[in-house]
């Protein structure tokens, strides 16, 4: 499995620039929505390769390393978002920035998207709308 393909997808789609632009949004609710929406637009573009990495990681050390690298980056991005929400006092009671980042990482995962879109037949638009609304309801004060 060639993890350069994944790196190129990141660069080609400029996902990190989109995350950084979303972080500059003043309103915490809009910031969260823009950030998660950018990710959920990106997921279908990487889904075939990501699915292969998920499937192969148990038996292929290179696939496991590539997956862990990408997910580490994504978790770091969600940590930046959660810390910005915490700094604005926007997280709901009981949420810390690290736990909010973990929740975002899981709720917005390639696997969650795949279950809804590929397994249950939801549209990409309905999946994005539902996940974005759910994370806002759960995380924001």
N, C-alpha and C. Protein backbone atom coordinates (compact mmCIF):
# COMPACT_ATOMS: atom_id res chain seq x y z
N UNK A 1 0.86 -1.18 0.00
CA UNK A 1 0.00 0.00 0.00
C UNK A 1 0.89 1.23 0.00
N UNK A 2 0.66 2.12 -0.91
CA UNK A 2 1.50 3.30 -1.07
C UNK A 2 0.91 4.49 -0.32
N UNK A 3 1.54 4.86 0.81
CA UNK A 3 0.99 5.97 1.59
C UNK A 3 1.27 7.32 0.93
N UNK A 4 2.10 7.36 -0.11
CA UNK A 4 2.29 8.62 -0.86
C UNK A 4 0.98 9.02 -1.53
N UNK A 5 0.17 8.03 -1.95
CA UNK A 5 -1.13 8.35 -2.55
C UNK A 5 -1.98 9.14 -1.56
N UNK A 6 -1.94 8.71 -0.30
CA UNK A 6 -2.74 9.39 0.73
C UNK A 6 -2.20 10.79 0.96
N UNK A 7 -0.88 10.91 1.05
CA UNK A 7 -0.29 12.24 1.21
C UNK A 7 -0.68 13.14 0.06
N UNK A 8 -0.66 12.61 -1.16
CA UNK A 8 -1.04 13.42 -2.32
C UNK A 8 -2.50 13.82 -2.27
N UNK A 9 -3.35 12.94 -1.77
CA UNK A 9 -4.77 13.30 -1.64
C UNK A 9 -4.91 14.47 -0.67
N UNK A 10 -4.17 14.43 0.43
CA UNK A 10 -4.19 15.54 1.39
C UNK A 10 -3.79 16.84 0.70
N UNK A 11 -2.72 16.76 -0.07
CA UNK A 11 -2.20 17.94 -0.76
C UNK A 11 -3.14 18.38 -1.88
N UNK A 12 -3.60 17.43 -2.67
CA UNK A 12 -4.46 17.72 -3.82
C UNK A 12 -5.75 18.40 -3.37
N UNK A 13 -6.32 17.92 -2.32
CA UNK A 13 -7.58 18.47 -1.82
C UNK A 13 -7.37 19.62 -0.84
N UNK A 14 -6.13 19.82 -0.41
CA UNK A 14 -5.77 20.92 0.49
C UNK A 14 -6.60 20.91 1.77
N UNK A 15 -6.80 19.72 2.32
CA UNK A 15 -7.65 19.57 3.50
C UNK A 15 -7.13 20.34 4.70
N UNK A 16 -5.82 20.40 4.87
CA UNK A 16 -5.28 21.10 6.04
C UNK A 16 -5.48 22.61 5.92
N UNK A 17 -5.42 23.14 4.72
CA UNK A 17 -5.72 24.57 4.52
C UNK A 17 -7.18 24.84 4.81
N UNK A 18 -8.05 23.91 4.44
CA UNK A 18 -9.48 24.07 4.75
C UNK A 18 -9.71 24.05 6.26
N UNK A 19 -9.02 23.15 6.96
CA UNK A 19 -9.14 23.12 8.42
C UNK A 19 -8.66 24.44 9.01
N UNK A 20 -7.52 24.93 8.54
CA UNK A 20 -6.99 26.19 9.07
C UNK A 20 -7.92 27.36 8.80
N UNK A 21 -8.54 27.38 7.63
CA UNK A 21 -9.50 28.45 7.32
C UNK A 21 -10.70 28.36 8.25
N UNK A 22 -11.19 27.15 8.50
CA UNK A 22 -12.33 26.98 9.39
C UNK A 22 -12.00 27.44 10.81
N UNK A 23 -10.75 27.18 11.25
CA UNK A 23 -10.34 27.60 12.59
C UNK A 23 -10.40 29.12 12.78
N UNK A 24 -10.33 29.85 11.70
CA UNK A 24 -10.36 31.32 11.77
C UNK A 24 -11.78 31.87 11.88
N UNK A 25 -12.77 31.01 11.82
CA UNK A 25 -14.17 31.42 11.93
C UNK A 25 -14.45 31.83 13.37
N UNK A 26 -14.99 33.02 13.55
CA UNK A 26 -15.23 33.55 14.90
C UNK A 26 -16.29 32.79 15.67
N UNK A 27 -17.41 32.51 15.06
CA UNK A 27 -18.51 31.84 15.76
C UNK A 27 -18.18 30.36 15.97
N UNK A 28 -18.14 29.89 17.22
CA UNK A 28 -17.75 28.50 17.49
C UNK A 28 -18.64 27.46 16.80
N UNK A 29 -19.94 27.71 16.74
CA UNK A 29 -20.85 26.76 16.10
C UNK A 29 -20.55 26.66 14.59
N UNK A 30 -20.35 27.79 13.97
CA UNK A 30 -20.01 27.82 12.54
C UNK A 30 -18.63 27.22 12.30
N UNK A 31 -17.69 27.48 13.20
CA UNK A 31 -16.33 26.92 13.10
C UNK A 31 -16.39 25.41 13.11
N UNK A 32 -17.11 24.84 14.07
CA UNK A 32 -17.25 23.40 14.16
C UNK A 32 -17.88 22.85 12.88
N UNK A 33 -18.94 23.49 12.42
CA UNK A 33 -19.64 23.01 11.25
C UNK A 33 -18.75 23.07 10.01
N UNK A 34 -18.04 24.16 9.80
CA UNK A 34 -17.16 24.29 8.63
C UNK A 34 -16.05 23.25 8.66
N UNK A 35 -15.51 23.02 9.83
CA UNK A 35 -14.40 22.08 9.99
C UNK A 35 -14.86 20.66 9.66
N UNK A 36 -15.95 20.25 10.29
CA UNK A 36 -16.46 18.89 10.08
C UNK A 36 -16.95 18.73 8.65
N UNK A 37 -17.58 19.75 8.10
CA UNK A 37 -18.05 19.67 6.72
C UNK A 37 -16.88 19.48 5.77
N UNK A 38 -15.79 20.21 5.97
CA UNK A 38 -14.61 20.05 5.12
C UNK A 38 -14.11 18.61 5.16
N UNK A 39 -14.07 18.04 6.35
CA UNK A 39 -13.61 16.65 6.49
C UNK A 39 -14.57 15.70 5.77
N UNK A 40 -15.86 15.89 5.95
CA UNK A 40 -16.84 14.97 5.38
C UNK A 40 -16.95 15.10 3.86
N UNK A 41 -16.53 16.21 3.29
CA UNK A 41 -16.42 16.33 1.84
C UNK A 41 -15.18 15.57 1.35
N UNK A 42 -14.16 15.53 2.17
CA UNK A 42 -12.90 14.85 1.83
C UNK A 42 -13.02 13.32 1.93
N UNK A 43 -13.79 12.84 2.89
CA UNK A 43 -13.87 11.39 3.15
C UNK A 43 -14.22 10.58 1.90
N UNK A 44 -15.23 10.94 1.11
CA UNK A 44 -15.53 10.11 -0.07
C UNK A 44 -14.37 10.03 -1.06
N UNK A 45 -13.53 11.04 -1.07
CA UNK A 45 -12.40 11.06 -2.00
C UNK A 45 -11.30 10.10 -1.58
N UNK A 46 -11.20 9.84 -0.29
CA UNK A 46 -10.16 8.93 0.20
C UNK A 46 -10.71 7.57 0.62
N UNK A 47 -12.02 7.43 0.55
CA UNK A 47 -12.66 6.22 1.08
C UNK A 47 -12.10 4.92 0.50
N UNK A 48 -11.90 4.82 -0.82
CA UNK A 48 -11.39 3.54 -1.34
C UNK A 48 -10.03 3.15 -0.75
N UNK A 49 -9.10 4.08 -0.71
CA UNK A 49 -7.77 3.79 -0.16
C UNK A 49 -7.85 3.60 1.35
N UNK A 50 -8.62 4.45 2.02
CA UNK A 50 -8.76 4.32 3.47
C UNK A 50 -9.36 2.96 3.84
N UNK A 51 -10.34 2.52 3.08
CA UNK A 51 -10.95 1.21 3.34
C UNK A 51 -9.92 0.09 3.20
N UNK A 52 -9.05 0.21 2.18
CA UNK A 52 -7.99 -0.79 2.02
C UNK A 52 -7.04 -0.77 3.21
N UNK A 53 -6.65 0.42 3.66
CA UNK A 53 -5.75 0.50 4.81
C UNK A 53 -6.39 -0.10 6.06
N UNK A 54 -7.67 0.20 6.27
CA UNK A 54 -8.38 -0.35 7.43
C UNK A 54 -8.39 -1.88 7.36
N UNK A 55 -8.69 -2.40 6.20
CA UNK A 55 -8.78 -3.85 6.01
C UNK A 55 -7.42 -4.53 6.15
N UNK A 56 -6.38 -3.90 5.61
CA UNK A 56 -5.05 -4.53 5.57
C UNK A 56 -4.22 -4.32 6.83
N UNK A 57 -4.58 -3.37 7.65
CA UNK A 57 -3.69 -3.00 8.75
C UNK A 57 -3.40 -4.13 9.74
N UNK A 58 -4.30 -5.09 9.86
CA UNK A 58 -4.06 -6.20 10.80
C UNK A 58 -2.95 -7.13 10.32
N UNK A 59 -2.71 -7.17 9.01
CA UNK A 59 -1.73 -8.12 8.48
C UNK A 59 -0.60 -7.45 7.69
N UNK A 60 -0.66 -6.16 7.50
CA UNK A 60 0.33 -5.45 6.69
C UNK A 60 0.87 -4.27 7.50
N UNK A 61 2.14 -4.39 7.90
CA UNK A 61 2.75 -3.35 8.75
C UNK A 61 2.78 -1.99 8.06
N UNK A 62 3.01 -1.97 6.76
CA UNK A 62 3.04 -0.70 6.04
C UNK A 62 1.66 -0.04 6.03
N UNK A 63 0.63 -0.84 5.81
CA UNK A 63 -0.74 -0.31 5.83
C UNK A 63 -1.08 0.21 7.23
N UNK A 64 -0.69 -0.55 8.25
CA UNK A 64 -0.95 -0.12 9.63
C UNK A 64 -0.24 1.19 9.93
N UNK A 65 1.01 1.30 9.50
CA UNK A 65 1.77 2.53 9.75
C UNK A 65 1.15 3.71 9.01
N UNK A 66 0.74 3.49 7.77
CA UNK A 66 0.12 4.57 6.99
C UNK A 66 -1.18 5.01 7.64
N UNK A 67 -1.99 4.05 8.07
CA UNK A 67 -3.26 4.38 8.71
C UNK A 67 -3.04 5.14 10.02
N UNK A 68 -2.14 4.64 10.84
CA UNK A 68 -1.85 5.31 12.11
C UNK A 68 -1.32 6.72 11.90
N UNK A 69 -0.50 6.91 10.89
CA UNK A 69 0.04 8.24 10.57
C UNK A 69 -1.09 9.19 10.20
N UNK A 70 -1.97 8.77 9.30
CA UNK A 70 -3.06 9.64 8.85
C UNK A 70 -4.03 9.92 10.00
N UNK A 71 -4.34 8.91 10.77
CA UNK A 71 -5.29 9.10 11.87
C UNK A 71 -4.68 9.94 12.99
N UNK A 72 -3.38 9.83 13.18
CA UNK A 72 -2.70 10.70 14.14
C UNK A 72 -2.79 12.15 13.72
N UNK A 73 -2.59 12.39 12.42
CA UNK A 73 -2.73 13.75 11.90
C UNK A 73 -4.15 14.26 12.08
N UNK A 74 -5.12 13.41 11.76
CA UNK A 74 -6.52 13.82 11.88
C UNK A 74 -6.89 14.11 13.33
N UNK A 75 -6.46 13.26 14.23
CA UNK A 75 -6.73 13.49 15.65
C UNK A 75 -6.11 14.81 16.11
N UNK A 76 -4.90 15.10 15.64
CA UNK A 76 -4.27 16.38 15.96
C UNK A 76 -5.08 17.56 15.45
N UNK A 77 -5.62 17.42 14.26
CA UNK A 77 -6.46 18.49 13.70
C UNK A 77 -7.73 18.67 14.54
N UNK A 78 -8.37 17.57 14.90
CA UNK A 78 -9.56 17.66 15.73
C UNK A 78 -9.21 18.21 17.12
N UNK A 79 -8.01 17.92 17.60
CA UNK A 79 -7.56 18.48 18.88
C UNK A 79 -7.45 20.00 18.78
N UNK A 80 -6.91 20.49 17.65
CA UNK A 80 -6.83 21.95 17.45
C UNK A 80 -8.22 22.57 17.47
N UNK A 81 -9.15 21.94 16.80
CA UNK A 81 -10.53 22.44 16.78
C UNK A 81 -11.12 22.44 18.18
N UNK A 82 -11.00 21.33 18.89
CA UNK A 82 -11.57 21.21 20.23
C UNK A 82 -10.95 22.23 21.19
N UNK A 83 -9.66 22.44 21.07
CA UNK A 83 -9.01 23.43 21.93
C UNK A 83 -9.51 24.84 21.63
N UNK A 84 -9.79 25.12 20.37
CA UNK A 84 -10.32 26.44 20.03
C UNK A 84 -11.73 26.61 20.58
N UNK A 85 -12.51 25.55 20.55
CA UNK A 85 -13.87 25.61 21.11
C UNK A 85 -13.82 25.78 22.64
N UNK A 86 -12.90 25.06 23.27
CA UNK A 86 -12.74 25.18 24.72
C UNK A 86 -12.28 26.59 25.10
N UNK A 87 -11.36 27.15 24.33
CA UNK A 87 -10.86 28.50 24.61
C UNK A 87 -11.97 29.53 24.51
N UNK A 88 -12.95 29.27 23.67
CA UNK A 88 -14.09 30.18 23.53
C UNK A 88 -15.20 29.88 24.53
N UNK A 89 -15.00 28.88 25.39
CA UNK A 89 -16.04 28.51 26.35
C UNK A 89 -17.25 27.90 25.68
N UNK A 90 -17.06 27.29 24.50
CA UNK A 90 -18.19 26.78 23.72
C UNK A 90 -18.51 25.31 23.97
N UNK A 91 -17.61 24.58 24.63
CA UNK A 91 -17.89 23.17 24.88
C UNK A 91 -18.95 23.02 25.96
N UNK A 92 -19.82 22.04 25.77
CA UNK A 92 -20.85 21.75 26.75
C UNK A 92 -20.21 21.27 28.05
N UNK A 93 -20.95 21.39 29.11
CA UNK A 93 -20.48 20.98 30.43
C UNK A 93 -20.04 19.51 30.39
N UNK A 94 -18.90 19.25 31.02
CA UNK A 94 -18.39 17.89 31.11
C UNK A 94 -17.41 17.50 30.01
N UNK A 95 -17.26 18.34 29.01
CA UNK A 95 -16.34 18.05 27.92
C UNK A 95 -15.03 18.78 28.10
N UNK A 96 -13.94 18.06 28.01
CA UNK A 96 -12.61 18.67 27.93
C UNK A 96 -12.21 18.67 26.46
N UNK A 97 -11.24 19.47 26.13
CA UNK A 97 -10.77 19.50 24.74
C UNK A 97 -10.25 18.13 24.28
N UNK A 98 -9.45 17.42 25.08
CA UNK A 98 -8.98 16.10 24.61
C UNK A 98 -10.11 15.10 24.37
N UNK A 99 -11.11 15.08 25.26
CA UNK A 99 -12.23 14.15 25.07
C UNK A 99 -13.09 14.57 23.89
N UNK A 100 -13.27 15.87 23.70
CA UNK A 100 -14.04 16.35 22.55
C UNK A 100 -13.33 15.97 21.25
N UNK A 101 -11.99 16.08 21.23
CA UNK A 101 -11.23 15.70 20.04
C UNK A 101 -11.40 14.21 19.76
N UNK A 102 -11.32 13.39 20.79
CA UNK A 102 -11.51 11.95 20.62
C UNK A 102 -12.91 11.65 20.06
N UNK A 103 -13.92 12.33 20.60
CA UNK A 103 -15.29 12.11 20.13
C UNK A 103 -15.43 12.53 18.67
N UNK A 104 -14.89 13.68 18.31
CA UNK A 104 -14.96 14.13 16.92
C UNK A 104 -14.27 13.12 15.99
N UNK A 105 -13.11 12.65 16.40
CA UNK A 105 -12.35 11.69 15.61
C UNK A 105 -13.17 10.44 15.35
N UNK A 106 -13.87 9.95 16.36
CA UNK A 106 -14.69 8.74 16.20
C UNK A 106 -15.98 9.02 15.44
N UNK A 107 -16.68 10.08 15.80
CA UNK A 107 -17.98 10.38 15.18
C UNK A 107 -17.85 10.72 13.71
N UNK A 108 -16.71 11.28 13.32
CA UNK A 108 -16.49 11.71 11.94
C UNK A 108 -15.59 10.74 11.18
N UNK A 109 -15.40 9.56 11.71
CA UNK A 109 -14.45 8.62 11.15
C UNK A 109 -14.86 8.13 9.76
N UNK A 110 -13.87 7.69 9.03
CA UNK A 110 -14.11 7.04 7.73
C UNK A 110 -15.05 5.86 7.93
N UNK A 111 -14.87 5.13 9.02
CA UNK A 111 -15.71 3.97 9.28
C UNK A 111 -17.17 4.36 9.50
N UNK A 112 -17.42 5.41 10.28
CA UNK A 112 -18.80 5.85 10.52
C UNK A 112 -19.44 6.30 9.21
N UNK A 113 -18.69 7.08 8.42
CA UNK A 113 -19.19 7.53 7.13
C UNK A 113 -19.52 6.32 6.24
N UNK A 114 -18.60 5.37 6.20
CA UNK A 114 -18.80 4.18 5.38
C UNK A 114 -20.00 3.35 5.79
N UNK A 115 -20.21 3.23 7.07
CA UNK A 115 -21.38 2.47 7.54
C UNK A 115 -22.67 3.11 7.07
N UNK A 116 -22.76 4.43 7.17
CA UNK A 116 -24.00 5.10 6.77
C UNK A 116 -24.17 5.15 5.25
N UNK A 117 -23.11 5.52 4.54
CA UNK A 117 -23.23 5.69 3.09
C UNK A 117 -23.18 4.35 2.36
N UNK A 118 -22.18 3.55 2.64
CA UNK A 118 -21.97 2.32 1.89
C UNK A 118 -22.84 1.16 2.39
N UNK A 119 -22.98 1.04 3.69
CA UNK A 119 -23.74 -0.09 4.24
C UNK A 119 -25.24 0.18 4.32
N UNK A 120 -25.61 1.40 4.70
CA UNK A 120 -27.03 1.70 4.89
C UNK A 120 -27.65 2.49 3.75
N UNK A 121 -26.84 2.92 2.81
CA UNK A 121 -27.37 3.59 1.63
C UNK A 121 -27.77 5.04 1.81
N UNK A 122 -27.28 5.68 2.88
CA UNK A 122 -27.58 7.11 3.05
C UNK A 122 -26.85 7.89 1.96
N UNK A 123 -27.42 9.03 1.61
CA UNK A 123 -26.71 9.92 0.69
C UNK A 123 -25.55 10.57 1.44
N UNK A 124 -24.57 11.03 0.66
CA UNK A 124 -23.45 11.75 1.28
C UNK A 124 -23.95 13.02 1.96
N UNK A 125 -24.90 13.70 1.35
CA UNK A 125 -25.43 14.95 1.92
C UNK A 125 -26.15 14.68 3.24
N UNK A 126 -26.97 13.63 3.30
CA UNK A 126 -27.69 13.31 4.53
C UNK A 126 -26.72 12.88 5.63
N UNK A 127 -25.69 12.14 5.25
CA UNK A 127 -24.69 11.70 6.22
C UNK A 127 -23.97 12.90 6.80
N UNK A 128 -23.53 13.80 5.95
CA UNK A 128 -22.82 14.99 6.41
C UNK A 128 -23.71 15.83 7.32
N UNK A 129 -24.91 16.08 6.90
CA UNK A 129 -25.84 16.90 7.68
C UNK A 129 -26.10 16.28 9.05
N UNK A 130 -26.31 14.98 9.08
CA UNK A 130 -26.62 14.29 10.34
C UNK A 130 -25.42 14.29 11.28
N UNK A 131 -24.24 13.95 10.77
CA UNK A 131 -23.05 13.93 11.63
C UNK A 131 -22.76 15.32 12.15
N UNK A 132 -22.84 16.33 11.29
CA UNK A 132 -22.55 17.71 11.72
C UNK A 132 -23.54 18.16 12.79
N UNK A 133 -24.81 17.86 12.61
CA UNK A 133 -25.81 18.25 13.61
C UNK A 133 -25.59 17.50 14.93
N UNK A 134 -25.25 16.22 14.83
CA UNK A 134 -25.06 15.41 16.04
C UNK A 134 -23.87 15.90 16.85
N UNK A 135 -22.74 16.17 16.20
CA UNK A 135 -21.58 16.60 16.97
C UNK A 135 -21.82 17.97 17.58
N UNK A 136 -22.54 18.82 16.89
CA UNK A 136 -22.85 20.15 17.47
C UNK A 136 -23.74 19.99 18.69
N UNK A 137 -24.76 19.15 18.60
CA UNK A 137 -25.68 18.94 19.74
C UNK A 137 -24.94 18.36 20.95
N UNK A 138 -24.05 17.42 20.69
CA UNK A 138 -23.34 16.75 21.77
C UNK A 138 -22.27 17.63 22.41
N UNK A 139 -21.53 18.36 21.60
CA UNK A 139 -20.34 19.04 22.11
C UNK A 139 -20.53 20.50 22.53
N UNK A 140 -21.48 21.18 21.94
CA UNK A 140 -21.56 22.62 22.18
C UNK A 140 -22.53 22.98 23.29
N UNK A 141 -22.14 24.00 24.04
CA UNK A 141 -22.98 24.48 25.14
C UNK A 141 -24.23 25.15 24.59
